[in-house]
Amino acid sequence: MKVLLKFILDCEPDAAWRALQSPTVFREVSAPLLSVKSLEPGGFETVWPEGENRVEISALGLVPVGMQIVDIDRTHTQHEGVRIIHDKGRGVTGALKIVTTWDHRMAVAADPAGTGKTLYRDRLIMKAGPLTPAVWAGLWSFWQVRGVRLQQLAPSWAFDPEFSGDAKAAAAKRAAAEAARHAEETPAEILAEPPTADSAVLGIDPDLGAGQ
């Protein structure tokens, strides 16, 4: 089943892209319903590292929910002007193991209306066997709260003091590698349809639907 979000964030696309790669923002939009603790040596980095990141999640900071793998992938094929961060992680322990399929993609692009703000699109595909409807209902509710938090925080992303120094250099290196990768793509691999303000249901948007 799917959970879908689509709205305009009050910040520039570059600022939204930086924020969505930040574990700090991940924790901020999850609070206060969920608390997230890193299980990696040294704790959370400024920017999510590519690949698997282990976190421990608790409800309201009190009730353990389990361990989750946040598996970050920024290599998804996309057309010019759209950037996607893909979490293909999974639950490892506790109640989180109930979810057997977890495919979460967040896409940012310039607002087609030309406001200088960000068109944000979000799609989660999840399965939990016979419990799928019940788990989906809970996730749908949480995603609505999360969406509100993203919109509340977005204006503060215009200036991100944490995104500096080594983190900025690492992001520049990733951006250069991504540009080189896209330069090698064949025309058939490049998605041609740009995002529009009145595009169809998020679930079939080409940016979030490719690879399924």
N, C-alpha and C. Protein backbone atom coordinates (compact mmCIF):
# COMPACT_ATOMS: atom_id res chain seq x y z
N MET A 1 0.84 -1.19 0.00
CA MET A 1 0.00 0.00 0.00
C MET A 1 0.88 1.24 0.00
N LYS A 2 0.30 2.36 -0.42
CA LYS A 2 1.07 3.59 -0.58
C LYS A 2 0.62 4.68 0.38
N VAL A 3 1.58 5.52 0.77
CA VAL A 3 1.31 6.78 1.45
C VAL A 3 1.95 7.86 0.58
N LEU A 4 1.18 8.89 0.23
CA LEU A 4 1.64 9.90 -0.71
C LEU A 4 1.51 11.30 -0.14
N LEU A 5 2.50 12.14 -0.40
CA LEU A 5 2.46 13.54 -0.04
C LEU A 5 2.92 14.38 -1.23
N LYS A 6 2.35 15.56 -1.37
CA LYS A 6 2.78 16.47 -2.42
C LYS A 6 2.38 17.89 -2.02
N PHE A 7 3.38 18.77 -1.88
CA PHE A 7 3.09 20.15 -1.52
C PHE A 7 4.30 21.03 -1.82
N ILE A 8 4.14 22.32 -1.61
CA ILE A 8 5.21 23.29 -1.83
C ILE A 8 5.89 23.61 -0.51
N LEU A 9 7.21 23.54 -0.48
CA LEU A 9 8.00 23.92 0.70
C LEU A 9 8.50 25.35 0.51
N ASP A 10 8.44 26.11 1.56
CA ASP A 10 8.83 27.53 1.51
C ASP A 10 10.34 27.69 1.69
N CYS A 11 11.08 27.17 0.72
CA CYS A 11 12.54 27.31 0.70
C CYS A 11 13.01 26.97 -0.71
N GLU A 12 14.26 27.27 -1.01
CA GLU A 12 14.80 26.95 -2.31
C GLU A 12 15.08 25.45 -2.42
N PRO A 13 15.04 24.89 -3.63
CA PRO A 13 15.28 23.45 -3.79
C PRO A 13 16.61 22.98 -3.21
N ASP A 14 17.68 23.78 -3.35
CA ASP A 14 18.98 23.38 -2.80
C ASP A 14 18.89 23.22 -1.29
N ALA A 15 18.17 24.14 -0.63
CA ALA A 15 18.03 24.06 0.83
C ALA A 15 17.22 22.84 1.23
N ALA A 16 16.15 22.54 0.48
CA ALA A 16 15.34 21.36 0.78
C ALA A 16 16.15 20.08 0.58
N TRP A 17 16.95 20.04 -0.48
CA TRP A 17 17.77 18.86 -0.76
C TRP A 17 18.77 18.61 0.37
N ARG A 18 19.41 19.67 0.85
CA ARG A 18 20.35 19.52 1.96
C ARG A 18 19.62 19.00 3.21
N ALA A 19 18.44 19.57 3.48
CA ALA A 19 17.72 19.21 4.69
C ALA A 19 17.29 17.75 4.68
N LEU A 20 16.83 17.27 3.54
CA LEU A 20 16.34 15.91 3.47
C LEU A 20 17.45 14.88 3.63
N GLN A 21 18.69 15.30 3.48
CA GLN A 21 19.83 14.42 3.67
C GLN A 21 20.38 14.48 5.10
N SER A 22 19.72 15.24 5.96
CA SER A 22 20.22 15.47 7.31
C SER A 22 19.52 14.58 8.34
N PRO A 23 20.26 13.79 9.10
CA PRO A 23 19.65 13.03 10.19
C PRO A 23 18.98 13.94 11.22
N THR A 24 19.51 15.15 11.39
CA THR A 24 18.90 16.09 12.34
C THR A 24 17.48 16.42 11.92
N VAL A 25 17.29 16.71 10.64
CA VAL A 25 15.95 17.01 10.14
C VAL A 25 15.06 15.78 10.25
N PHE A 26 15.60 14.60 9.94
CA PHE A 26 14.86 13.35 10.08
C PHE A 26 14.31 13.21 11.50
N ARG A 27 15.13 13.52 12.48
CA ARG A 27 14.70 13.41 13.88
C ARG A 27 13.68 14.49 14.22
N GLU A 28 13.87 15.69 13.68
CA GLU A 28 12.96 16.79 13.97
C GLU A 28 11.56 16.53 13.43
N VAL A 29 11.46 15.97 12.22
CA VAL A 29 10.14 15.74 11.65
C VAL A 29 9.47 14.51 12.26
N SER A 30 10.25 13.65 12.90
CA SER A 30 9.69 12.46 13.56
C SER A 30 9.19 12.77 14.96
N ALA A 31 9.78 13.78 15.60
CA ALA A 31 9.40 14.15 16.96
C ALA A 31 8.07 14.91 16.94
N PRO A 32 7.31 14.82 18.04
CA PRO A 32 7.60 14.11 19.29
C PRO A 32 7.08 12.67 19.31
N LEU A 33 6.44 12.25 18.21
CA LEU A 33 5.84 10.91 18.21
C LEU A 33 6.89 9.81 18.28
N LEU A 34 7.99 10.00 17.56
CA LEU A 34 9.05 9.01 17.54
C LEU A 34 10.39 9.66 17.88
N SER A 35 11.20 8.95 18.64
CA SER A 35 12.57 9.37 18.94
C SER A 35 13.51 8.40 18.23
N VAL A 36 14.58 8.96 17.66
CA VAL A 36 15.50 8.16 16.87
C VAL A 36 16.92 8.32 17.40
N LYS A 37 17.59 7.19 17.65
CA LYS A 37 18.96 7.18 18.16
C LYS A 37 19.85 6.40 17.20
N SER A 38 21.02 6.94 16.89
CA SER A 38 21.95 6.24 16.01
C SER A 38 22.63 5.10 16.76
N LEU A 39 22.80 3.98 16.06
CA LEU A 39 23.54 2.84 16.60
C LEU A 39 24.90 2.67 15.92
N GLU A 40 25.27 3.68 15.10
CA GLU A 40 26.55 3.63 14.40
C GLU A 40 27.66 4.20 15.28
N PRO A 41 28.90 3.72 15.12
CA PRO A 41 30.02 4.30 15.88
C PRO A 41 30.13 5.80 15.61
N GLY A 42 30.18 6.59 16.64
CA GLY A 42 30.27 8.04 16.48
C GLY A 42 28.93 8.73 16.34
N GLY A 43 27.84 7.96 16.28
CA GLY A 43 26.52 8.56 16.21
C GLY A 43 26.17 9.10 14.83
N PHE A 44 25.20 10.00 14.79
CA PHE A 44 24.74 10.56 13.53
C PHE A 44 25.81 11.47 12.91
N GLU A 45 25.95 11.38 11.59
CA GLU A 45 26.77 12.33 10.86
C GLU A 45 25.90 13.50 10.42
N THR A 46 26.52 14.55 9.89
CA THR A 46 25.76 15.71 9.46
C THR A 46 24.87 15.37 8.27
N VAL A 47 25.36 14.50 7.39
CA VAL A 47 24.62 14.06 6.21
C VAL A 47 24.56 12.54 6.24
N TRP A 48 23.39 11.97 5.88
CA TRP A 48 23.28 10.51 5.85
C TRP A 48 24.35 9.92 4.93
N PRO A 49 25.15 9.00 5.38
CA PRO A 49 26.09 8.30 4.49
C PRO A 49 25.32 7.40 3.53
N GLU A 50 25.87 7.20 2.35
CA GLU A 50 25.27 6.28 1.40
C GLU A 50 25.30 4.86 1.99
N GLY A 51 24.24 4.10 1.77
CA GLY A 51 24.19 2.74 2.26
C GLY A 51 23.45 2.62 3.59
N GLU A 52 23.74 1.55 4.32
CA GLU A 52 22.97 1.21 5.51
C GLU A 52 23.41 1.98 6.75
N ASN A 53 22.40 2.49 7.48
CA ASN A 53 22.62 3.21 8.73
C ASN A 53 21.66 2.63 9.77
N ARG A 54 22.19 2.15 10.88
CA ARG A 54 21.36 1.53 11.91
C ARG A 54 20.86 2.57 12.90
N VAL A 55 19.55 2.54 13.17
CA VAL A 55 18.97 3.45 14.15
C VAL A 55 18.04 2.66 15.07
N GLU A 56 17.86 3.19 16.26
CA GLU A 56 16.92 2.62 17.23
C GLU A 56 15.78 3.61 17.40
N ILE A 57 14.55 3.12 17.31
CA ILE A 57 13.37 3.99 17.36
C ILE A 57 12.54 3.66 18.58
N SER A 58 12.06 4.72 19.25
CA SER A 58 11.16 4.54 20.38
C SER A 58 9.98 5.49 20.24
N ALA A 59 8.82 5.07 20.74
CA ALA A 59 7.62 5.89 20.68
C ALA A 59 7.61 6.85 21.86
N LEU A 60 7.45 8.15 21.55
CA LEU A 60 7.41 9.20 22.57
C LEU A 60 8.66 9.20 23.43
N GLY A 61 9.74 8.60 22.94
CA GLY A 61 10.98 8.55 23.68
C GLY A 61 10.96 7.61 24.86
N LEU A 62 9.88 6.81 24.97
CA LEU A 62 9.72 5.97 26.15
C LEU A 62 9.59 4.48 25.83
N VAL A 63 8.84 4.15 24.79
CA VAL A 63 8.52 2.76 24.48
C VAL A 63 9.38 2.29 23.29
N PRO A 64 10.28 1.32 23.49
CA PRO A 64 11.10 0.83 22.38
C PRO A 64 10.24 0.22 21.28
N VAL A 65 10.53 0.59 20.04
CA VAL A 65 9.81 0.05 18.88
C VAL A 65 10.67 -0.96 18.14
N GLY A 66 11.99 -0.73 18.13
CA GLY A 66 12.88 -1.66 17.47
C GLY A 66 14.00 -0.97 16.72
N MET A 67 14.81 -1.80 16.06
CA MET A 67 15.92 -1.27 15.27
C MET A 67 15.54 -1.25 13.80
N GLN A 68 15.88 -0.16 13.13
CA GLN A 68 15.58 0.03 11.72
C GLN A 68 16.87 0.27 10.95
N ILE A 69 16.96 -0.28 9.74
CA ILE A 69 18.04 0.06 8.83
C ILE A 69 17.54 1.17 7.90
N VAL A 70 18.19 2.32 7.93
CA VAL A 70 17.92 3.39 6.96
C VAL A 70 18.95 3.22 5.85
N ASP A 71 18.50 2.75 4.70
CA ASP A 71 19.40 2.40 3.61
C ASP A 71 19.31 3.46 2.51
N ILE A 72 20.27 4.37 2.49
CA ILE A 72 20.21 5.56 1.64
C ILE A 72 20.80 5.29 0.26
N ASP A 73 20.05 5.71 -0.76
CA ASP A 73 20.49 5.59 -2.15
C ASP A 73 20.17 6.90 -2.88
N ARG A 74 21.21 7.55 -3.40
CA ARG A 74 21.02 8.79 -4.15
C ARG A 74 21.31 8.59 -5.64
N THR A 75 21.38 7.34 -6.10
CA THR A 75 21.79 7.07 -7.48
C THR A 75 20.63 6.86 -8.42
N HIS A 76 19.42 7.06 -7.96
CA HIS A 76 18.24 6.83 -8.78
C HIS A 76 18.25 7.70 -10.02
N THR A 77 17.98 7.11 -11.19
CA THR A 77 17.92 7.88 -12.43
C THR A 77 16.79 8.89 -12.36
N GLN A 78 17.06 10.11 -12.79
CA GLN A 78 16.08 11.19 -12.71
C GLN A 78 16.37 12.20 -13.81
N HIS A 79 15.36 12.95 -14.21
CA HIS A 79 15.61 13.95 -15.24
C HIS A 79 16.14 15.23 -14.60
N GLU A 80 16.64 16.09 -15.43
CA GLU A 80 17.28 17.33 -14.97
C GLU A 80 16.32 18.14 -14.10
N GLY A 81 16.84 18.61 -12.99
CA GLY A 81 16.04 19.45 -12.10
C GLY A 81 15.33 18.71 -10.99
N VAL A 82 15.37 17.37 -11.00
CA VAL A 82 14.73 16.58 -9.96
C VAL A 82 15.79 15.78 -9.22
N ARG A 83 15.75 15.83 -7.90
CA ARG A 83 16.68 15.07 -7.09
C ARG A 83 15.89 14.18 -6.14
N ILE A 84 16.34 12.95 -5.99
CA ILE A 84 15.60 11.96 -5.20
C ILE A 84 16.52 11.32 -4.17
N ILE A 85 16.03 11.23 -2.96
CA ILE A 85 16.71 10.44 -1.93
C ILE A 85 15.80 9.25 -1.63
N HIS A 86 16.38 8.06 -1.71
CA HIS A 86 15.63 6.81 -1.63
C HIS A 86 16.08 6.03 -0.39
N ASP A 87 15.13 5.73 0.48
CA ASP A 87 15.41 4.87 1.63
C ASP A 87 14.78 3.51 1.35
N LYS A 88 15.62 2.51 1.13
CA LYS A 88 15.14 1.15 0.86
C LYS A 88 15.45 0.24 2.04
N GLY A 89 15.30 0.81 3.23
CA GLY A 89 15.68 0.08 4.44
C GLY A 89 14.67 -0.96 4.89
N ARG A 90 14.80 -1.38 6.15
CA ARG A 90 13.95 -2.45 6.67
C ARG A 90 14.02 -2.45 8.20
N GLY A 91 12.99 -3.02 8.80
CA GLY A 91 12.99 -3.21 10.24
C GLY A 91 13.77 -4.46 10.60
N VAL A 92 14.52 -4.40 11.68
CA VAL A 92 15.38 -5.53 12.06
C VAL A 92 14.88 -6.21 13.33
N THR A 93 14.42 -5.43 14.29
CA THR A 93 13.96 -6.02 15.55
C THR A 93 12.64 -5.37 15.97
N GLY A 94 12.00 -6.00 16.95
CA GLY A 94 10.80 -5.43 17.54
C GLY A 94 9.63 -5.33 16.57
N ALA A 95 8.75 -4.38 16.85
CA ALA A 95 7.56 -4.19 16.03
C ALA A 95 7.89 -3.79 14.60
N LEU A 96 9.07 -3.21 14.39
CA LEU A 96 9.46 -2.77 13.05
C LEU A 96 9.62 -3.94 12.08
N LYS A 97 9.84 -5.15 12.60
CA LYS A 97 10.00 -6.33 11.74
C LYS A 97 8.68 -6.73 11.06
N ILE A 98 7.58 -6.19 11.56
CA ILE A 98 6.28 -6.52 10.97
C ILE A 98 6.22 -6.08 9.51
N VAL A 99 6.87 -4.93 9.22
CA VAL A 99 6.85 -4.38 7.86
C VAL A 99 7.84 -5.17 7.00
N THR A 100 7.33 -5.85 5.98
CA THR A 100 8.18 -6.69 5.14
C THR A 100 8.68 -5.98 3.89
N THR A 101 8.01 -4.91 3.49
CA THR A 101 8.45 -4.09 2.34
C THR A 101 8.46 -2.64 2.75
N TRP A 102 9.57 -1.95 2.48
CA TRP A 102 9.70 -0.53 2.81
C TRP A 102 10.45 0.14 1.66
N ASP A 103 9.77 1.01 0.94
CA ASP A 103 10.36 1.71 -0.19
C ASP A 103 9.90 3.16 -0.12
N HIS A 104 10.80 4.03 0.34
CA HIS A 104 10.45 5.44 0.58
C HIS A 104 11.30 6.34 -0.31
N ARG A 105 10.64 7.16 -1.11
CA ARG A 105 11.34 8.10 -2.00
C ARG A 105 10.84 9.51 -1.76
N MET A 106 11.77 10.46 -1.68
CA MET A 106 11.45 11.88 -1.55
C MET A 106 12.09 12.62 -2.72
N ALA A 107 11.30 13.37 -3.46
CA ALA A 107 11.80 14.10 -4.63
C ALA A 107 11.62 15.60 -4.43
N VAL A 108 12.64 16.36 -4.80
CA VAL A 108 12.56 17.82 -4.74
C VAL A 108 12.86 18.39 -6.13
N ALA A 109 12.15 19.45 -6.47
CA ALA A 109 12.34 20.16 -7.73
C ALA A 109 11.88 21.59 -7.53
N ALA A 110 12.25 22.45 -8.44
CA ALA A 110 11.80 23.84 -8.37
C ALA A 110 10.28 23.90 -8.58
N ASP A 111 9.62 24.77 -7.84
CA ASP A 111 8.19 24.98 -8.01
C ASP A 111 7.91 25.38 -9.47
N PRO A 112 7.10 24.61 -10.20
CA PRO A 112 6.83 24.95 -11.60
C PRO A 112 6.20 26.32 -11.79
N ALA A 113 5.59 26.87 -10.72
CA ALA A 113 4.97 28.19 -10.81
C ALA A 113 6.00 29.31 -10.83
N GLY A 114 7.28 28.97 -10.62
CA GLY A 114 8.32 29.98 -10.68
C GLY A 114 8.45 30.84 -9.45
N THR A 115 8.02 30.33 -8.29
CA THR A 115 8.08 31.10 -7.06
C THR A 115 9.46 31.09 -6.41
N GLY A 116 10.34 30.18 -6.88
CA GLY A 116 11.64 30.01 -6.24
C GLY A 116 11.58 29.04 -5.07
N LYS A 117 10.39 28.52 -4.79
CA LYS A 117 10.23 27.56 -3.70
C LYS A 117 10.40 26.13 -4.24
N THR A 118 10.07 25.14 -3.41
CA THR A 118 10.34 23.74 -3.75
C THR A 118 9.06 22.93 -3.89
N LEU A 119 8.96 22.20 -5.00
CA LEU A 119 7.91 21.19 -5.14
C LEU A 119 8.43 19.92 -4.49
N TYR A 120 7.74 19.47 -3.46
CA TYR A 120 8.15 18.28 -2.70
C TYR A 120 7.15 17.16 -2.96
N ARG A 121 7.66 15.99 -3.32
CA ARG A 121 6.82 14.82 -3.53
C ARG A 121 7.41 13.64 -2.75
N ASP A 122 6.52 12.89 -2.13
CA ASP A 122 6.93 11.85 -1.20
C ASP A 122 6.06 10.62 -1.44
N ARG A 123 6.71 9.45 -1.57
CA ARG A 123 5.95 8.23 -1.76
C ARG A 123 6.56 7.10 -0.92
N LEU A 124 5.72 6.50 -0.11
CA LEU A 124 6.11 5.32 0.66
C LEU A 124 5.28 4.13 0.18
N ILE A 125 5.95 3.03 -0.17
CA ILE A 125 5.28 1.76 -0.45
C ILE A 125 5.64 0.80 0.68
N MET A 126 4.63 0.24 1.32
CA MET A 126 4.89 -0.66 2.42
C MET A 126 3.97 -1.87 2.36
N LYS A 127 4.45 -2.99 2.94
CA LYS A 127 3.64 -4.20 3.09
C LYS A 127 3.96 -4.81 4.45
N ALA A 128 2.95 -5.38 5.07
CA ALA A 128 3.13 -6.04 6.37
C ALA A 128 2.25 -7.27 6.47
N GLY A 129 2.14 -8.02 5.36
CA GLY A 129 1.34 -9.23 5.37
C GLY A 129 -0.11 -8.94 5.71
N PRO A 130 -0.74 -9.81 6.51
CA PRO A 130 -2.15 -9.61 6.88
C PRO A 130 -2.39 -8.31 7.67
N LEU A 131 -1.34 -7.78 8.27
CA LEU A 131 -1.48 -6.56 9.08
C LEU A 131 -1.31 -5.28 8.25
N THR A 132 -1.15 -5.43 6.94
CA THR A 132 -0.88 -4.26 6.10
C THR A 132 -1.89 -3.13 6.29
N PRO A 133 -3.21 -3.36 6.25
CA PRO A 133 -4.15 -2.25 6.40
C PRO A 133 -4.00 -1.49 7.71
N ALA A 134 -3.80 -2.23 8.81
CA ALA A 134 -3.67 -1.59 10.11
C ALA A 134 -2.38 -0.78 10.21
N VAL A 135 -1.28 -1.39 9.74
CA VAL A 135 -0.01 -0.68 9.78
C VAL A 135 -0.04 0.53 8.85
N TRP A 136 -0.65 0.38 7.67
CA TRP A 136 -0.78 1.50 6.74
C TRP A 136 -1.52 2.67 7.38
N ALA A 137 -2.60 2.38 8.10
CA ALA A 137 -3.38 3.45 8.74
C ALA A 137 -2.53 4.24 9.72
N GLY A 138 -1.71 3.52 10.49
CA GLY A 138 -0.84 4.21 11.44
C GLY A 138 0.22 5.04 10.73
N LEU A 139 0.81 4.47 9.69
CA LEU A 139 1.82 5.20 8.93
C LEU A 139 1.23 6.40 8.21
N TRP A 140 0.02 6.24 7.67
CA TRP A 140 -0.64 7.37 6.99
C TRP A 140 -0.79 8.55 7.96
N SER A 141 -1.25 8.25 9.17
CA SER A 141 -1.44 9.31 10.17
C SER A 141 -0.11 9.97 10.52
N PHE A 142 0.92 9.14 10.72
CA PHE A 142 2.24 9.68 11.05
C PHE A 142 2.77 10.53 9.90
N TRP A 143 2.55 10.09 8.66
CA TRP A 143 3.05 10.83 7.49
C TRP A 143 2.39 12.21 7.37
N GLN A 144 1.13 12.33 7.81
CA GLN A 144 0.48 13.64 7.75
C GLN A 144 1.14 14.61 8.75
N VAL A 145 1.44 14.10 9.95
CA VAL A 145 2.13 14.91 10.95
C VAL A 145 3.53 15.28 10.43
N ARG A 146 4.19 14.31 9.85
CA ARG A 146 5.51 14.54 9.28
C ARG A 146 5.47 15.60 8.18
N GLY A 147 4.44 15.56 7.35
CA GLY A 147 4.30 16.56 6.29
C GLY A 147 4.12 17.96 6.85
N VAL A 148 3.33 18.07 7.90
CA VAL A 148 3.14 19.38 8.55
C VAL A 148 4.46 19.90 9.11
N ARG A 149 5.22 19.00 9.74
CA ARG A 149 6.50 19.39 10.32
C ARG A 149 7.48 19.85 9.24
N LEU A 150 7.50 19.16 8.10
CA LEU A 150 8.37 19.57 6.99
C LEU A 150 8.03 20.99 6.54
N GLN A 151 6.74 21.28 6.41
CA GLN A 151 6.33 22.61 5.97
C GLN A 151 6.64 23.67 7.02
N GLN A 152 6.55 23.31 8.29
CA GLN A 152 6.87 24.27 9.35
C GLN A 152 8.36 24.59 9.39
N LEU A 153 9.19 23.58 9.16
CA LEU A 153 10.64 23.75 9.28
C LEU A 153 11.27 24.35 8.03
N ALA A 154 10.64 24.18 6.88
CA ALA A 154 11.25 24.57 5.61
C ALA A 154 11.78 26.01 5.57
N PRO A 155 11.06 27.00 6.08
CA PRO A 155 11.60 28.36 6.01
C PRO A 155 12.93 28.54 6.73
N SER A 156 13.22 27.68 7.70
CA SER A 156 14.48 27.79 8.45
C SER A 156 15.64 27.15 7.72
N TRP A 157 15.37 26.46 6.61
CA TRP A 157 16.42 25.76 5.89
C TRP A 157 17.20 26.67 4.94
N ALA A 158 16.77 27.90 4.77
CA ALA A 158 17.46 28.80 3.85
C ALA A 158 18.92 28.98 4.24
N PHE A 159 19.18 28.96 5.55
CA PHE A 159 20.55 29.02 6.04
C PHE A 159 20.77 27.87 6.98
N ASP A 160 21.68 26.98 6.63
CA ASP A 160 21.93 25.79 7.42
C ASP A 160 23.36 25.82 7.94
N PRO A 161 23.57 26.28 9.19
CA PRO A 161 24.93 26.38 9.72
C PRO A 161 25.65 25.05 9.84
N GLU A 162 24.90 23.93 9.93
CA GLU A 162 25.54 22.62 10.06
C GLU A 162 26.15 22.16 8.74
N PHE A 163 25.61 22.68 7.65
CA PHE A 163 26.06 22.22 6.34
C PHE A 163 27.26 23.05 5.89
N SER A 164 28.40 22.71 6.44
CA SER A 164 29.61 23.47 6.17
C SER A 164 30.82 22.56 6.34
N GLY A 165 32.00 23.05 6.03
CA GLY A 165 33.22 22.30 6.28
C GLY A 165 33.26 20.97 5.55
N ASP A 166 33.57 19.91 6.29
CA ASP A 166 33.71 18.59 5.71
C ASP A 166 32.43 18.10 5.05
N ALA A 167 31.28 18.40 5.68
CA ALA A 167 30.00 17.95 5.12
C ALA A 167 29.75 18.58 3.76
N LYS A 168 30.08 19.85 3.64
CA LYS A 168 29.88 20.54 2.35
C LYS A 168 30.79 19.95 1.29
N ALA A 169 32.03 19.67 1.65
CA ALA A 169 32.97 19.09 0.70
C ALA A 169 32.52 17.70 0.27
N ALA A 170 32.01 16.90 1.22
CA ALA A 170 31.53 15.57 0.89
C ALA A 170 30.35 15.63 -0.06
N ALA A 171 29.45 16.60 0.18
CA ALA A 171 28.29 16.74 -0.69
C ALA A 171 28.70 17.16 -2.09
N ALA A 172 29.70 18.03 -2.18
CA ALA A 172 30.19 18.46 -3.49
C ALA A 172 30.79 17.29 -4.26
N LYS A 173 31.49 16.41 -3.54
CA LYS A 173 32.08 15.23 -4.16
C LYS A 173 30.99 14.30 -4.69
N ARG A 174 29.92 14.12 -3.88
CA ARG A 174 28.81 13.28 -4.33
C ARG A 174 28.13 13.88 -5.55
N ALA A 175 27.95 15.21 -5.54
CA ALA A 175 27.29 15.88 -6.66
C ALA A 175 28.10 15.71 -7.94
N ALA A 176 29.44 15.80 -7.84
CA ALA A 176 30.29 15.63 -9.02
C ALA A 176 30.19 14.21 -9.56
N ALA A 177 30.17 13.23 -8.63
CA ALA A 177 30.06 11.83 -9.05
C ALA A 177 28.71 11.57 -9.72
N GLU A 178 27.65 12.18 -9.17
CA GLU A 178 26.32 12.01 -9.75
C GLU A 178 26.25 12.62 -11.15
N ALA A 179 26.86 13.80 -11.32
CA ALA A 179 26.86 14.46 -12.63
C ALA A 179 27.59 13.60 -13.66
N ALA A 180 28.70 13.00 -13.25
CA ALA A 180 29.46 12.13 -14.16
C ALA A 180 28.65 10.90 -14.54
N ARG A 181 27.91 10.37 -13.56
CA ARG A 181 27.10 9.18 -13.82
C ARG A 181 25.99 9.50 -14.82
N HIS A 182 25.32 10.64 -14.63
CA HIS A 182 24.24 11.02 -15.53
C HIS A 182 24.76 11.29 -16.94
N ALA A 183 25.99 11.79 -17.03
CA ALA A 183 26.56 12.09 -18.34
C ALA A 183 26.75 10.83 -19.17
N GLU A 184 26.85 9.68 -18.49
CA GLU A 184 27.06 8.41 -19.18
C GLU A 184 25.75 7.70 -19.51
N GLU A 185 24.61 8.23 -19.05
CA GLU A 185 23.34 7.58 -19.29
C GLU A 185 22.93 7.69 -20.75
N THR A 186 22.26 6.68 -21.24
CA THR A 186 21.72 6.72 -22.59
C THR A 186 20.40 7.48 -22.56
N PRO A 187 19.96 7.99 -23.71
CA PRO A 187 18.67 8.70 -23.74
C PRO A 187 17.52 7.89 -23.18
N ALA A 188 17.56 6.58 -23.38
CA ALA A 188 16.48 5.73 -22.88
C ALA A 188 16.43 5.66 -21.38
N GLU A 189 17.53 6.00 -20.73
CA GLU A 189 17.59 5.92 -19.26
C GLU A 189 17.18 7.22 -18.60
N ILE A 190 17.02 8.26 -19.36
CA ILE A 190 16.72 9.57 -18.79
C ILE A 190 15.23 9.82 -18.84
N LEU A 191 14.63 10.16 -17.71
CA LEU A 191 13.20 10.43 -17.67
C LEU A 191 12.92 11.79 -18.29
N ALA A 192 11.98 11.85 -19.23
CA ALA A 192 11.78 13.06 -20.01
C ALA A 192 10.70 13.97 -19.45
N GLU A 193 9.74 13.43 -18.71
CA GLU A 193 8.61 14.25 -18.29
C GLU A 193 8.97 15.07 -17.05
N PRO A 194 8.94 16.40 -17.14
CA PRO A 194 9.27 17.23 -15.98
C PRO A 194 8.11 17.31 -15.02
N PRO A 195 8.36 17.65 -13.74
CA PRO A 195 7.26 17.79 -12.79
C PRO A 195 6.44 19.02 -13.12
N THR A 196 5.14 18.96 -12.91
CA THR A 196 4.26 20.11 -13.13
C THR A 196 3.38 20.30 -11.92
N ALA A 197 2.89 21.50 -11.76
CA ALA A 197 2.08 21.81 -10.58
C ALA A 197 0.80 21.00 -10.54
N ASP A 198 0.27 20.60 -11.72
CA ASP A 198 -0.98 19.86 -11.77
C ASP A 198 -0.79 18.43 -12.25
N SER A 199 0.40 17.84 -11.99
CA SER A 199 0.67 16.49 -12.44
C SER A 199 -0.29 15.51 -11.78
N ALA A 200 -0.37 14.31 -12.34
CA ALA A 200 -1.34 13.33 -11.88
C ALA A 200 -0.98 12.81 -10.49
N VAL A 201 -1.73 11.82 -10.05
CA VAL A 201 -1.52 11.24 -8.72
C VAL A 201 -0.04 10.94 -8.50
N LEU A 202 0.46 11.28 -7.34
CA LEU A 202 1.88 11.14 -7.05
C LEU A 202 2.42 9.75 -7.34
N GLY A 203 1.59 8.74 -7.09
CA GLY A 203 2.03 7.37 -7.22
C GLY A 203 2.48 7.00 -8.63
N ILE A 204 2.05 7.74 -9.66
CA ILE A 204 2.47 7.42 -11.01
C ILE A 204 3.38 8.52 -11.59
N ASP A 205 3.81 9.45 -10.76
CA ASP A 205 4.78 10.43 -11.22
C ASP A 205 6.02 9.69 -11.68
N PRO A 206 6.59 10.04 -12.83
CA PRO A 206 7.74 9.28 -13.35
C PRO A 206 8.96 9.31 -12.44
N ASP A 207 9.15 10.40 -11.70
CA ASP A 207 10.32 10.50 -10.85
C ASP A 207 10.31 9.50 -9.72
N LEU A 208 9.15 9.26 -9.16
CA LEU A 208 9.05 8.36 -8.01
C LEU A 208 8.65 6.96 -8.42
N GLY A 209 8.20 6.78 -9.64
CA GLY A 209 7.70 5.48 -10.05
C GLY A 209 8.73 4.63 -10.76
N ALA A 210 9.82 5.22 -11.24
CA ALA A 210 10.81 4.45 -11.99
C ALA A 210 11.44 3.40 -11.10
N GLY A 211 11.76 2.28 -11.71
CA GLY A 211 12.46 1.22 -10.98
C GLY A 211 11.53 0.25 -10.30
N GLN A 212 10.19 0.50 -10.43
CA GLN A 212 9.26 -0.43 -9.79
C GLN A 212 8.90 -1.54 -10.75
